[in-house]
Structures are given as C-alpha cells and as structure tokens.
Amino acid sequence: MPAYNTVTAERPAVCPVCGLEQLRDVQFTFGETWQLAYRVGDRIKWGANDSGEPGHPRVGVAGYGEDCVRCGAVDPVERYDIVIADDVIASVTPADGSVRYGPDDWTVLA
C-alpha cells in the first residue's frame, strides 16, 4: 500500500492469537495521505499527496486493519468499510461485501 492514513476502529476486537482486546487502527488511502491519524468524527484533510476527491455527500473507502500491538498477529477482519460523509469520517465497520470499490479503494455511495 502506498502512503496511507489510519482511523481507529469503533469497536474492540479480540486478537485470535494472544487474546488481547484492542481497538485496531485501520489503514486507508483517502484525502491527504501522509500517515495522518484519525478518529470517527474527524474531518478529512486535503492538500498534498491527495487520494480521492473532496466534497462528496457519502463515500465508501476500503480499510485494512493493522497487526496486533502485542503479538503482531494479522487482523482477522480482512477489510473494513469506512464511510465518509461531507469529508467527515462517519463510521468504521467490518466489511460485509455490500460495497463495490473502484481501483483506488473508494467509491461514491448513494
């Protein structure tokens, strides 16, 4: 993955290897991709090294969980759906397969 940002997942997940319950950071490429750290409710920054387009009412962005902070195990959730509404992160949830992403891992939602 090229330069990316992170957003903290909304719900804790239990590591299948060591059992640590943690809020995983989820990597994504949308907005100014410069290893910025976000939380739900934060406004996406734009300006340099941009990925995507600002100003859409609702956008779906694919996210990928980071490894366990204790043991390094891969996140058991393969992909997350990040919803961005009017450039504000609205939610981060495990993907259910209902969103079809474009080649840049984002799409405008109805």
PDB file of N, CA and C in Angstrom:
ATOM      1  N   MET A   1       0.858  -1.170   0.000  1.00  0.00           N
ATOM      2  CA  MET A   1       0.000   0.000   0.000  1.00  0.00           C
ATOM      3  C   MET A   1       0.904   1.232   0.000  1.00  0.00           C
ATOM      4  N   PRO A   2       0.593   2.238  -0.822  1.00  0.00           N
ATOM      5  CA  PRO A   2       1.383   3.473  -0.821  1.00  0.00           C
ATOM      6  C   PRO A   2       1.171   4.237   0.485  1.00  0.00           C
ATOM      7  N   ALA A   3       1.514   5.495   0.507  1.00  0.00           N
ATOM      8  CA  ALA A   3       1.274   6.312   1.700  1.00  0.00           C
ATOM      9  C   ALA A   3      -0.183   6.170   2.103  1.00  0.00           C
ATOM     10  N   TYR A   4      -0.431   6.154   3.390  1.00  0.00           N
ATOM     11  CA  TYR A   4      -1.782   5.914   3.884  1.00  0.00           C
ATOM     12  C   TYR A   4      -2.018   6.700   5.159  1.00  0.00           C
ATOM     13  N   ASN A   5      -3.277   6.720   5.595  1.00  0.00           N
ATOM     14  CA  ASN A   5      -3.686   7.291   6.875  1.00  0.00           C
ATOM     15  C   ASN A   5      -4.244   6.161   7.715  1.00  0.00           C
ATOM     16  N   THR A   6      -4.537   6.438   8.984  1.00  0.00           N
ATOM     17  CA  THR A   6      -5.200   5.453   9.830  1.00  0.00           C
ATOM     18  C   THR A   6      -6.390   6.093  10.533  1.00  0.00           C
ATOM     19  N   VAL A   7      -7.374   5.245  10.828  1.00  0.00           N
ATOM     20  CA  VAL A   7      -8.507   5.632  11.657  1.00  0.00           C
ATOM     21  C   VAL A   7      -8.689   4.502  12.656  1.00  0.00           C
ATOM     22  N   THR A   8      -9.029   4.836  13.890  1.00  0.00           N
ATOM     23  CA  THR A   8      -9.231   3.827  14.917  1.00  0.00           C
ATOM     24  C   THR A   8     -10.618   3.225  14.760  1.00  0.00           C
ATOM     25  N   ALA A   9     -10.682   1.885  14.746  1.00  0.00           N
ATOM     26  CA  ALA A   9     -11.958   1.182  14.628  1.00  0.00           C
ATOM     27  C   ALA A   9     -12.881   1.575  15.774  1.00  0.00           C
ATOM     28  N   GLU A  10     -14.176   1.466  15.539  1.00  0.00           N
ATOM     29  CA  GLU A  10     -15.166   1.882  16.536  1.00  0.00           C
ATOM     30  C   GLU A  10     -15.369   0.858  17.643  1.00  0.00           C
ATOM     31  N   ARG A  11     -15.167  -0.415  17.334  1.00  0.00           N
ATOM     32  CA  ARG A  11     -15.414  -1.469  18.324  1.00  0.00           C
ATOM     33  C   ARG A  11     -14.140  -2.272  18.542  1.00  0.00           C
ATOM     34  N   PRO A  12     -13.893  -2.695  19.785  1.00  0.00           N
ATOM     35  CA  PRO A  12     -12.702  -3.511  20.033  1.00  0.00           C
ATOM     36  C   PRO A  12     -12.836  -4.891  19.396  1.00  0.00           C
ATOM     37  N   ALA A  13     -11.690  -5.440  19.046  1.00  0.00           N
ATOM     38  CA  ALA A  13     -11.629  -6.798  18.510  1.00  0.00           C
ATOM     39  C   ALA A  13     -10.652  -7.589  19.369  1.00  0.00           C
ATOM     40  N   VAL A  14     -10.882  -8.887  19.468  1.00  0.00           N
ATOM     41  CA  VAL A  14     -10.006  -9.760  20.245  1.00  0.00           C
ATOM     42  C   VAL A  14      -9.030 -10.431  19.285  1.00  0.00           C
ATOM     43  N   CYS A  15      -7.741 -10.334  19.601  1.00  0.00           N
ATOM     44  CA  CYS A  15      -6.724 -10.981  18.778  1.00  0.00           C
ATOM     45  C   CYS A  15      -6.907 -12.494  18.881  1.00  0.00           C
ATOM     46  N   PRO A  16      -6.975 -13.196  17.747  1.00  0.00           N
ATOM     47  CA  PRO A  16      -7.186 -14.637  17.777  1.00  0.00           C
ATOM     48  C   PRO A  16      -5.963 -15.416  18.263  1.00  0.00           C
ATOM     49  N   VAL A  17      -4.811 -14.752  18.344  1.00  0.00           N
ATOM     50  CA  VAL A  17      -3.587 -15.436  18.761  1.00  0.00           C
ATOM     51  C   VAL A  17      -3.311 -15.232  20.248  1.00  0.00           C
ATOM     52  N   CYS A  18      -3.259 -13.974  20.700  1.00  0.00           N
ATOM     53  CA  CYS A  18      -2.877 -13.711  22.097  1.00  0.00           C
ATOM     54  C   CYS A  18      -4.049 -13.333  22.989  1.00  0.00           C
ATOM     55  N   GLY A  19      -5.229 -13.074  22.404  1.00  0.00           N
ATOM     56  CA  GLY A  19      -6.415 -12.769  23.190  1.00  0.00           C
ATOM     57  C   GLY A  19      -6.553 -11.328  23.636  1.00  0.00           C
ATOM     58  N   LEU A  20      -5.643 -10.453  23.237  1.00  0.00           N
ATOM     59  CA  LEU A  20      -5.719  -9.046  23.633  1.00  0.00           C
ATOM     60  C   LEU A  20      -6.934  -8.397  22.978  1.00  0.00           C
ATOM     61  N   GLU A  21      -7.767  -7.726  23.787  1.00  0.00           N
ATOM     62  CA  GLU A  21      -8.883  -6.949  23.255  1.00  0.00           C
ATOM     63  C   GLU A  21      -8.367  -5.540  22.978  1.00  0.00           C
ATOM     64  N   GLN A  22      -8.534  -5.080  21.751  1.00  0.00           N
ATOM     65  CA  GLN A  22      -7.956  -3.795  21.368  1.00  0.00           C
ATOM     66  C   GLN A  22      -8.782  -3.119  20.287  1.00  0.00           C
ATOM     67  N   LEU A  23      -8.668  -1.806  20.242  1.00  0.00           N
ATOM     68  CA  LEU A  23      -9.219  -1.032  19.135  1.00  0.00           C
ATOM     69  C   LEU A  23      -8.139  -0.989  18.060  1.00  0.00           C
ATOM     70  N   ARG A  24      -8.372  -1.662  16.966  1.00  0.00           N
ATOM     71  CA  ARG A  24      -7.379  -1.724  15.887  1.00  0.00           C
ATOM     72  C   ARG A  24      -7.344  -0.416  15.113  1.00  0.00           C
ATOM     73  N   ASP A  25      -6.154  -0.046  14.671  1.00  0.00           N
ATOM     74  CA  ASP A  25      -6.038   1.043  13.710  1.00  0.00           C
ATOM     75  C   ASP A  25      -6.250   0.443  12.331  1.00  0.00           C
ATOM     76  N   VAL A  26      -6.953   1.180  11.480  1.00  0.00           N
ATOM     77  CA  VAL A  26      -7.319   0.723  10.147  1.00  0.00           C
ATOM     78  C   VAL A  26      -6.670   1.660   9.135  1.00  0.00           C
ATOM     79  N   GLN A  27      -5.877   1.098   8.224  1.00  0.00           N
ATOM     80  CA  GLN A  27      -5.200   1.887   7.195  1.00  0.00           C
ATOM     81  C   GLN A  27      -6.138   2.150   6.026  1.00  0.00           C
ATOM     82  N   PHE A  28      -6.046   3.358   5.464  1.00  0.00           N
ATOM     83  CA  PHE A  28      -6.831   3.701   4.274  1.00  0.00           C
ATOM     84  C   PHE A  28      -6.134   4.788   3.489  1.00  0.00           C
ATOM     85  N   THR A  29      -6.486   4.894   2.210  1.00  0.00           N
ATOM     86  CA  THR A  29      -5.930   5.948   1.359  1.00  0.00           C
ATOM     87  C   THR A  29      -7.077   6.787   0.818  1.00  0.00           C
ATOM     88  N   PHE A  30      -7.301   7.917   1.467  1.00  0.00           N
ATOM     89  CA  PHE A  30      -8.305   8.885   1.025  1.00  0.00           C
ATOM     90  C   PHE A  30      -7.960  10.198   1.693  1.00  0.00           C
ATOM     91  N   GLY A  31      -8.066  11.291   0.943  1.00  0.00           N
ATOM     92  CA  GLY A  31      -7.675  12.592   1.479  1.00  0.00           C
ATOM     93  C   GLY A  31      -6.169  12.776   1.325  1.00  0.00           C
ATOM     94  N   GLU A  32      -5.624  13.651   2.127  1.00  0.00           N
ATOM     95  CA  GLU A  32      -4.173  13.871   2.125  1.00  0.00           C
ATOM     96  C   GLU A  32      -3.520  12.660   2.778  1.00  0.00           C
ATOM     97  N   THR A  33      -2.858  11.844   1.998  1.00  0.00           N
ATOM     98  CA  THR A  33      -2.263  10.611   2.533  1.00  0.00           C
ATOM     99  C   THR A  33      -0.847  10.906   3.012  1.00  0.00           C
ATOM    100  N   TRP A  34      -0.728  11.061   4.311  1.00  0.00           N
ATOM    101  CA  TRP A  34       0.555  11.448   4.896  1.00  0.00           C
ATOM    102  C   TRP A  34       0.701  10.859   6.301  1.00  0.00           C
ATOM    103  N   GLN A  35       0.218   9.636   6.482  1.00  0.00           N
ATOM    104  CA  GLN A  35       0.233   8.941   7.767  1.00  0.00           C
ATOM    105  C   GLN A  35      -0.434   9.764   8.868  1.00  0.00           C
ATOM    106  N   LEU A  36      -1.572  10.351   8.507  1.00  0.00           N
ATOM    107  CA  LEU A  36      -2.369  11.091   9.473  1.00  0.00           C
ATOM    108  C   LEU A  36      -3.209  10.109  10.281  1.00  0.00           C
ATOM    109  N   ALA A  37      -3.423  10.400  11.546  1.00  0.00           N
ATOM    110  CA  ALA A  37      -4.216   9.535  12.430  1.00  0.00           C
ATOM    111  C   ALA A  37      -5.557  10.200  12.711  1.00  0.00           C
ATOM    112  N   TYR A  38      -6.635   9.473  12.434  1.00  0.00           N
ATOM    113  CA  TYR A  38      -7.993   9.992  12.594  1.00  0.00           C
ATOM    114  C   TYR A  38      -8.783   9.149  13.586  1.00  0.00           C
ATOM    115  N   ARG A  39      -9.887   9.717  14.036  1.00  0.00           N
ATOM    116  CA  ARG A  39     -10.922   9.011  14.799  1.00  0.00           C
ATOM    117  C   ARG A  39     -12.255   9.306  14.112  1.00  0.00           C
ATOM    118  N   VAL A  40     -13.248   8.493  14.392  1.00  0.00           N
ATOM    119  CA  VAL A  40     -14.579   8.752  13.852  1.00  0.00           C
ATOM    120  C   VAL A  40     -15.012  10.146  14.320  1.00  0.00           C
ATOM    121  N   GLY A  41     -15.552  10.938  13.401  1.00  0.00           N
ATOM    122  CA  GLY A  41     -15.963  12.309  13.684  1.00  0.00           C
ATOM    123  C   GLY A  41     -14.960  13.343  13.227  1.00  0.00           C
ATOM    124  N   ASP A  42     -13.753  12.911  12.866  1.00  0.00           N
ATOM    125  CA  ASP A  42     -12.726  13.845  12.386  1.00  0.00           C
ATOM    126  C   ASP A  42     -12.966  14.185  10.916  1.00  0.00           C
ATOM    127  N   ARG A  43     -12.588  15.406  10.550  1.00  0.00           N
ATOM    128  CA  ARG A  43     -12.689  15.871   9.169  1.00  0.00           C
ATOM    129  C   ARG A  43     -11.422  15.462   8.406  1.00  0.00           C
ATOM    130  N   ILE A  44     -11.623  14.932   7.201  1.00  0.00           N
ATOM    131  CA  ILE A  44     -10.521  14.535   6.326  1.00  0.00           C
ATOM    132  C   ILE A  44      -9.774  15.784   5.858  1.00  0.00           C
ATOM    133  N   LYS A  45      -8.456  15.723   5.901  1.00  0.00           N
ATOM    134  CA  LYS A  45      -7.625  16.835   5.414  1.00  0.00           C
ATOM    135  C   LYS A  45      -7.300  16.622   3.942  1.00  0.00           C
ATOM    136  N   TRP A  46      -7.195  17.723   3.213  1.00  0.00           N
ATOM    137  CA  TRP A  46      -6.833  17.721   1.796  1.00  0.00           C
ATOM    138  C   TRP A  46      -5.709  18.712   1.587  1.00  0.00           C
ATOM    139  N   GLY A  47      -4.909  18.491   0.549  1.00  0.00           N
ATOM    140  CA  GLY A  47      -3.908  19.493   0.237  1.00  0.00           C
ATOM    141  C   GLY A  47      -2.654  18.985  -0.435  1.00  0.00           C
ATOM    142  N   ALA A  48      -2.147  17.841  -0.042  1.00  0.00           N
ATOM    143  CA  ALA A  48      -0.922  17.319  -0.649  1.00  0.00           C
ATOM    144  C   ALA A  48      -1.020  15.800  -0.711  1.00  0.00           C
ATOM    145  N   ASN A  49      -0.487  15.221  -1.766  1.00  0.00           N
ATOM    146  CA  ASN A  49      -0.490  13.774  -1.919  1.00  0.00           C
ATOM    147  C   ASN A  49      -1.913  13.219  -1.772  1.00  0.00           C
ATOM    148  N   ASP A  50      -2.890  13.904  -2.364  1.00  0.00           N
ATOM    149  CA  ASP A  50      -4.293  13.540  -2.214  1.00  0.00           C
ATOM    150  C   ASP A  50      -4.648  12.253  -2.962  1.00  0.00           C
ATOM    151  N   SER A  51      -5.531  11.492  -2.355  1.00  0.00           N
ATOM    152  CA  SER A  51      -6.141  10.326  -2.978  1.00  0.00           C
ATOM    153  C   SER A  51      -7.649  10.503  -2.839  1.00  0.00           C
ATOM    154  N   GLY A  52      -8.381  10.326  -3.927  1.00  0.00           N
ATOM    155  CA  GLY A  52      -9.827  10.537  -3.882  1.00  0.00           C
ATOM    156  C   GLY A  52     -10.191  11.962  -4.248  1.00  0.00           C
ATOM    157  N   GLU A  53     -11.450  12.299  -3.954  1.00  0.00           N
ATOM    158  CA  GLU A  53     -11.974  13.630  -4.278  1.00  0.00           C
ATOM    159  C   GLU A  53     -12.758  14.182  -3.099  1.00  0.00           C
ATOM    160  N   PRO A  54     -12.524  15.426  -2.721  1.00  0.00           N
ATOM    161  CA  PRO A  54     -13.279  16.020  -1.615  1.00  0.00           C
ATOM    162  C   PRO A  54     -14.691  16.405  -2.035  1.00  0.00           C
ATOM    163  N   GLY A  55     -15.564  16.594  -1.043  1.00  0.00           N
ATOM    164  CA  GLY A  55     -16.855  17.216  -1.269  1.00  0.00           C
ATOM    165  C   GLY A  55     -18.020  16.306  -1.606  1.00  0.00           C
ATOM    166  N   HIS A  56     -17.842  14.998  -1.620  1.00  0.00           N
ATOM    167  CA  HIS A  56     -18.973  14.107  -1.897  1.00  0.00           C
ATOM    168  C   HIS A  56     -19.841  13.959  -0.645  1.00  0.00           C
ATOM    169  N   PRO A  57     -21.169  13.847  -0.814  1.00  0.00           N
ATOM    170  CA  PRO A  57     -22.038  13.666   0.352  1.00  0.00           C
ATOM    171  C   PRO A  57     -21.729  12.379   1.131  1.00  0.00           C
ATOM    172  N   ARG A  58     -21.469  11.265   0.411  1.00  0.00           N
ATOM    173  CA  ARG A  58     -21.130   9.995   1.080  1.00  0.00           C
ATOM    174  C   ARG A  58     -20.161   9.203   0.220  1.00  0.00           C
ATOM    175  N   VAL A  59     -19.077   8.775   0.856  1.00  0.00           N
ATOM    176  CA  VAL A  59     -18.051   7.996   0.175  1.00  0.00           C
ATOM    177  C   VAL A  59     -17.765   6.759   1.005  1.00  0.00           C
ATOM    178  N   GLY A  60     -17.565   5.630   0.323  1.00  0.00           N
ATOM    179  CA  GLY A  60     -17.095   4.414   0.981  1.00  0.00           C
ATOM    180  C   GLY A  60     -15.629   4.227   0.654  1.00  0.00           C
ATOM    181  N   VAL A  61     -14.840   3.944   1.670  1.00  0.00           N
ATOM    182  CA  VAL A  61     -13.400   3.755   1.492  1.00  0.00           C
ATOM    183  C   VAL A  61     -13.016   2.413   2.125  1.00  0.00           C
ATOM    184  N   ALA A  62     -12.231   1.621   1.412  1.00  0.00           N
ATOM    185  CA  ALA A  62     -11.771   0.344   1.944  1.00  0.00           C
ATOM    186  C   ALA A  62     -10.664   0.591   2.964  1.00  0.00           C
ATOM    187  N   GLY A  63     -10.737  -0.145   4.069  1.00  0.00           N
ATOM    188  CA  GLY A  63      -9.716  -0.047   5.107  1.00  0.00           C
ATOM    189  C   GLY A  63      -9.164  -1.418   5.436  1.00  0.00           C
ATOM    190  N   TYR A  64      -7.919  -1.431   5.914  1.00  0.00           N
ATOM    191  CA  TYR A  64      -7.219  -2.679   6.221  1.00  0.00           C
ATOM    192  C   TYR A  64      -6.633  -2.575   7.622  1.00  0.00           C
ATOM    193  N   GLY A  65      -7.010  -3.504   8.510  1.00  0.00           N
ATOM    194  CA  GLY A  65      -6.582  -3.464   9.904  1.00  0.00           C
ATOM    195  C   GLY A  65      -5.092  -3.701  10.080  1.00  0.00           C
ATOM    196  N   GLU A  66      -4.511  -2.988  11.038  1.00  0.00           N
ATOM    197  CA  GLU A  66      -3.104  -3.180  11.357  1.00  0.00           C
ATOM    198  C   GLU A  66      -2.930  -4.401  12.262  1.00  0.00           C
ATOM    199  N   ASP A  67      -1.720  -4.888  12.354  1.00  0.00           N
ATOM    200  CA  ASP A  67      -1.414  -6.070  13.148  1.00  0.00           C
ATOM    201  C   ASP A  67      -1.601  -5.807  14.636  1.00  0.00           C
ATOM    202  N   CYS A  68      -1.770  -6.882  15.406  1.00  0.00           N
ATOM    203  CA  CYS A  68      -1.929  -6.799  16.858  1.00  0.00           C
ATOM    204  C   CYS A  68      -0.737  -6.080  17.478  1.00  0.00           C
ATOM    205  N   VAL A  69      -1.014  -5.166  18.410  1.00  0.00           N
ATOM    206  CA  VAL A  69       0.057  -4.397  19.045  1.00  0.00           C
ATOM    207  C   VAL A  69       0.878  -5.248  20.016  1.00  0.00           C
ATOM    208  N   ARG A  70       0.320  -6.352  20.491  1.00  0.00           N
ATOM    209  CA  ARG A  70       1.048  -7.206  21.432  1.00  0.00           C
ATOM    210  C   ARG A  70       1.878  -8.284  20.732  1.00  0.00           C
ATOM    211  N   CYS A  71       1.225  -9.064  19.860  1.00  0.00           N
ATOM    212  CA  CYS A  71       1.914 -10.232  19.294  1.00  0.00           C
ATOM    213  C   CYS A  71       2.207 -10.120  17.804  1.00  0.00           C
ATOM    214  N   GLY A  72       1.657  -9.095  17.141  1.00  0.00           N
ATOM    215  CA  GLY A  72       1.911  -8.907  15.716  1.00  0.00           C
ATOM    216  C   GLY A  72       1.026  -9.724  14.795  1.00  0.00           C
ATOM    217  N   ALA A  73       0.020 -10.431  15.345  1.00  0.00           N
ATOM    218  CA  ALA A  73      -0.878 -11.230  14.507  1.00  0.00           C
ATOM    219  C   ALA A  73      -1.666 -10.326  13.569  1.00  0.00           C
ATOM    220  N   VAL A  74      -1.927 -10.840  12.387  1.00  0.00           N
ATOM    221  CA  VAL A  74      -2.699 -10.120  11.384  1.00  0.00           C
ATOM    222  C   VAL A  74      -4.138  -9.971  11.871  1.00  0.00           C
ATOM    223  N   ASP A  75      -4.746  -8.814  11.607  1.00  0.00           N
ATOM    224  CA  ASP A  75      -6.140  -8.560  11.970  1.00  0.00           C
ATOM    225  C   ASP A  75      -7.020  -9.609  11.290  1.00  0.00           C
ATOM    226  N   PRO A  76      -7.867 -10.314  12.055  1.00  0.00           N
ATOM    227  CA  PRO A  76      -8.728 -11.334  11.443  1.00  0.00           C
ATOM    228  C   PRO A  76      -9.803 -10.757  10.526  1.00  0.00           C
ATOM    229  N   VAL A  77     -10.098  -9.468  10.656  1.00  0.00           N
ATOM    230  CA  VAL A  77     -11.040  -8.819   9.738  1.00  0.00           C
ATOM    231  C   VAL A  77     -10.248  -8.460   8.485  1.00  0.00           C
ATOM    232  N   GLU A  78     -10.642  -9.027   7.354  1.00  0.00           N
ATOM    233  CA  GLU A  78      -9.866  -8.810   6.136  1.00  0.00           C
ATOM    234  C   GLU A  78      -9.975  -7.396   5.591  1.00  0.00           C
ATOM    235  N   ARG A  79     -11.167  -6.799   5.723  1.00  0.00           N
ATOM    236  CA  ARG A  79     -11.351  -5.450   5.206  1.00  0.00           C
ATOM    237  C   ARG A  79     -12.406  -4.737   6.042  1.00  0.00           C
ATOM    238  N   TYR A  80     -12.262  -3.423   6.121  1.00  0.00           N
ATOM    239  CA  TYR A  80     -13.231  -2.572   6.815  1.00  0.00           C
ATOM    240  C   TYR A  80     -13.881  -1.646   5.804  1.00  0.00           C
ATOM    241  N   ASP A  81     -15.114  -1.254   6.084  1.00  0.00           N
ATOM    242  CA  ASP A  81     -15.798  -0.213   5.317  1.00  0.00           C
ATOM    243  C   ASP A  81     -15.736   1.075   6.136  1.00  0.00           C
ATOM    244  N   ILE A  82     -15.145   2.103   5.557  1.00  0.00           N
ATOM    245  CA  ILE A  82     -15.073   3.416   6.190  1.00  0.00           C
ATOM    246  C   ILE A  82     -16.029   4.315   5.413  1.00  0.00           C
ATOM    247  N   VAL A  83     -17.002   4.897   6.108  1.00  0.00           N
ATOM    248  CA  VAL A  83     -17.947   5.809   5.457  1.00  0.00           C
ATOM    249  C   VAL A  83     -17.557   7.232   5.825  1.00  0.00           C
ATOM    250  N   ILE A  84     -17.415   8.055   4.796  1.00  0.00           N
ATOM    251  CA  ILE A  84     -17.059   9.462   4.967  1.00  0.00           C
ATOM    252  C   ILE A  84     -18.206  10.290   4.403  1.00  0.00           C
ATOM    253  N   ALA A  85     -18.803  11.124   5.246  1.00  0.00           N
ATOM    254  CA  ALA A  85     -19.940  11.956   4.849  1.00  0.00           C
ATOM    255  C   ALA A  85     -19.527  13.420   4.893  1.00  0.00           C
ATOM    256  N   ASP A  86     -19.603  14.093   3.747  1.00  0.00           N
ATOM    257  CA  ASP A  86     -19.209  15.500   3.649  1.00  0.00           C
ATOM    258  C   ASP A  86     -17.823  15.725   4.248  1.00  0.00           C
ATOM    259  N   ASP A  87     -16.895  14.824   3.902  1.00  0.00           N
ATOM    260  CA  ASP A  87     -15.482  14.882   4.315  1.00  0.00           C
ATOM    261  C   ASP A  87     -15.263  14.651   5.807  1.00  0.00           C
ATOM    262  N   VAL A  88     -16.229  14.059   6.506  1.00  0.00           N
ATOM    263  CA  VAL A  88     -16.085  13.712   7.924  1.00  0.00           C
ATOM    264  C   VAL A  88     -16.235  12.198   8.057  1.00  0.00           C
ATOM    265  N   ILE A  89     -15.338  11.565   8.796  1.00  0.00           N
ATOM    266  CA  ILE A  89     -15.411  10.113   8.983  1.00  0.00           C
ATOM    267  C   ILE A  89     -16.632   9.797   9.840  1.00  0.00           C
ATOM    268  N   ALA A  90     -17.582   9.065   9.255  1.00  0.00           N
ATOM    269  CA  ALA A  90     -18.845   8.762   9.927  1.00  0.00           C
ATOM    270  C   ALA A  90     -18.830   7.406  10.618  1.00  0.00           C
ATOM    271  N   SER A  91     -18.147   6.409  10.035  1.00  0.00           N
ATOM    272  CA  SER A  91     -18.130   5.081  10.645  1.00  0.00           C
ATOM    273  C   SER A  91     -16.982   4.242  10.108  1.00  0.00           C
ATOM    274  N   VAL A  92     -16.611   3.243  10.915  1.00  0.00           N
ATOM    275  CA  VAL A  92     -15.598   2.258  10.544  1.00  0.00           C
ATOM    276  C   VAL A  92     -16.119   0.915  11.027  1.00  0.00           C
ATOM    277  N   THR A  93     -16.502   0.047  10.103  1.00  0.00           N
ATOM    278  CA  THR A  93     -17.080  -1.230  10.472  1.00  0.00           C
ATOM    279  C   THR A  93     -16.483  -2.348   9.618  1.00  0.00           C
ATOM    280  N   PRO A  94     -16.501  -3.590  10.116  1.00  0.00           N
ATOM    281  CA  PRO A  94     -16.030  -4.702   9.276  1.00  0.00           C
ATOM    282  C   PRO A  94     -16.837  -4.755   7.980  1.00  0.00           C
ATOM    283  N   ALA A  95     -16.158  -4.974   6.868  1.00  0.00           N
ATOM    284  CA  ALA A  95     -16.822  -5.019   5.565  1.00  0.00           C
ATOM    285  C   ALA A  95     -17.788  -6.197   5.511  1.00  0.00           C
ATOM    286  N   ASP A  96     -18.948  -5.965   4.908  1.00  0.00           N
ATOM    287  CA  ASP A  96     -19.928  -7.031   4.746  1.00  0.00           C
ATOM    288  C   ASP A  96     -20.081  -7.447   3.285  1.00  0.00           C
ATOM    289  N   GLY A  97     -19.255  -6.883   2.406  1.00  0.00           N
ATOM    290  CA  GLY A  97     -19.283  -7.241   0.997  1.00  0.00           C
ATOM    291  C   GLY A  97     -20.286  -6.469   0.169  1.00  0.00           C
ATOM    292  N   SER A  98     -21.036  -5.556   0.774  1.00  0.00           N
ATOM    293  CA  SER A  98     -22.072  -4.837   0.041  1.00  0.00           C
ATOM    294  C   SER A  98     -21.534  -3.647  -0.753  1.00  0.00           C
ATOM    295  N   VAL A  99     -20.329  -3.180  -0.429  1.00  0.00           N
ATOM    296  CA  VAL A  99     -19.761  -2.016  -1.125  1.00  0.00           C
ATOM    297  C   VAL A  99     -18.777  -2.507  -2.182  1.00  0.00           C
ATOM    298  N   ARG A 100     -18.939  -2.018  -3.403  1.00  0.00           N
ATOM    299  CA  ARG A 100     -18.024  -2.337  -4.510  1.00  0.00           C
ATOM    300  C   ARG A 100     -17.071  -1.164  -4.688  1.00  0.00           C
ATOM    301  N   TYR A 101     -15.816  -1.387  -4.415  1.00  0.00           N
ATOM    302  CA  TYR A 101     -14.818  -0.323  -4.507  1.00  0.00           C
ATOM    303  C   TYR A 101     -14.196  -0.264  -5.891  1.00  0.00           C
ATOM    304  N   GLY A 102     -13.791   0.944  -6.273  1.00  0.00           N
ATOM    305  CA  GLY A 102     -13.075   1.119  -7.523  1.00  0.00           C
ATOM    306  C   GLY A 102     -11.619   0.731  -7.359  1.00  0.00           C
ATOM    307  N   PRO A 103     -10.817   0.933  -8.387  1.00  0.00           N
ATOM    308  CA  PRO A 103      -9.411   0.525  -8.339  1.00  0.00           C
ATOM    309  C   PRO A 103      -8.589   1.277  -7.287  1.00  0.00           C
ATOM    310  N   ASP A 104      -9.079   2.434  -6.842  1.00  0.00           N
ATOM    311  CA  ASP A 104      -8.361   3.215  -5.824  1.00  0.00           C
ATOM    312  C   ASP A 104      -8.933   2.991  -4.425  1.00  0.00           C
ATOM    313  N   ASP A 105      -9.744   1.935  -4.252  1.00  0.00           N
ATOM    314  CA  ASP A 105     -10.307   1.547  -2.945  1.00  0.00           C
ATOM    315  C   ASP A 105     -11.277   2.567  -2.359  1.00  0.00           C
ATOM    316  N   TRP A 106     -11.998   3.308  -3.192  1.00  0.00           N
ATOM    317  CA  TRP A 106     -13.063   4.181  -2.701  1.00  0.00           C
ATOM    318  C   TRP A 106     -14.145   4.286  -3.770  1.00  0.00           C
ATOM    319  N   THR A 107     -15.342   4.658  -3.327  1.00  0.00           N
ATOM    320  CA  THR A 107     -16.453   4.812  -4.250  1.00  0.00           C
ATOM    321  C   THR A 107     -17.468   5.787  -3.655  1.00  0.00           C
ATOM    322  N   VAL A 108     -18.170   6.504  -4.521  1.00  0.00           N
ATOM    323  CA  VAL A 108     -19.251   7.385  -4.071  1.00  0.00           C
ATOM    324  C   VAL A 108     -20.443   6.497  -3.745  1.00  0.00           C
ATOM    325  N   LEU A 109     -21.053   6.721  -2.572  1.00  0.00           N
ATOM    326  CA  LEU A 109     -22.215   5.947  -2.135  1.00  0.00           C
ATOM    327  C   LEU A 109     -23.507   6.719  -2.377  1.00  0.00           C
ATOM    328  N   ALA A 110     -24.575   5.994  -2.599  1.00  0.00           N
ATOM    329  CA  ALA A 110     -25.886   6.626  -2.817  1.00  0.00           C
ATOM    330  C   ALA A 110     -26.433   7.172  -1.518  1.00  0.00           C
TER     331      ALA A 110
END
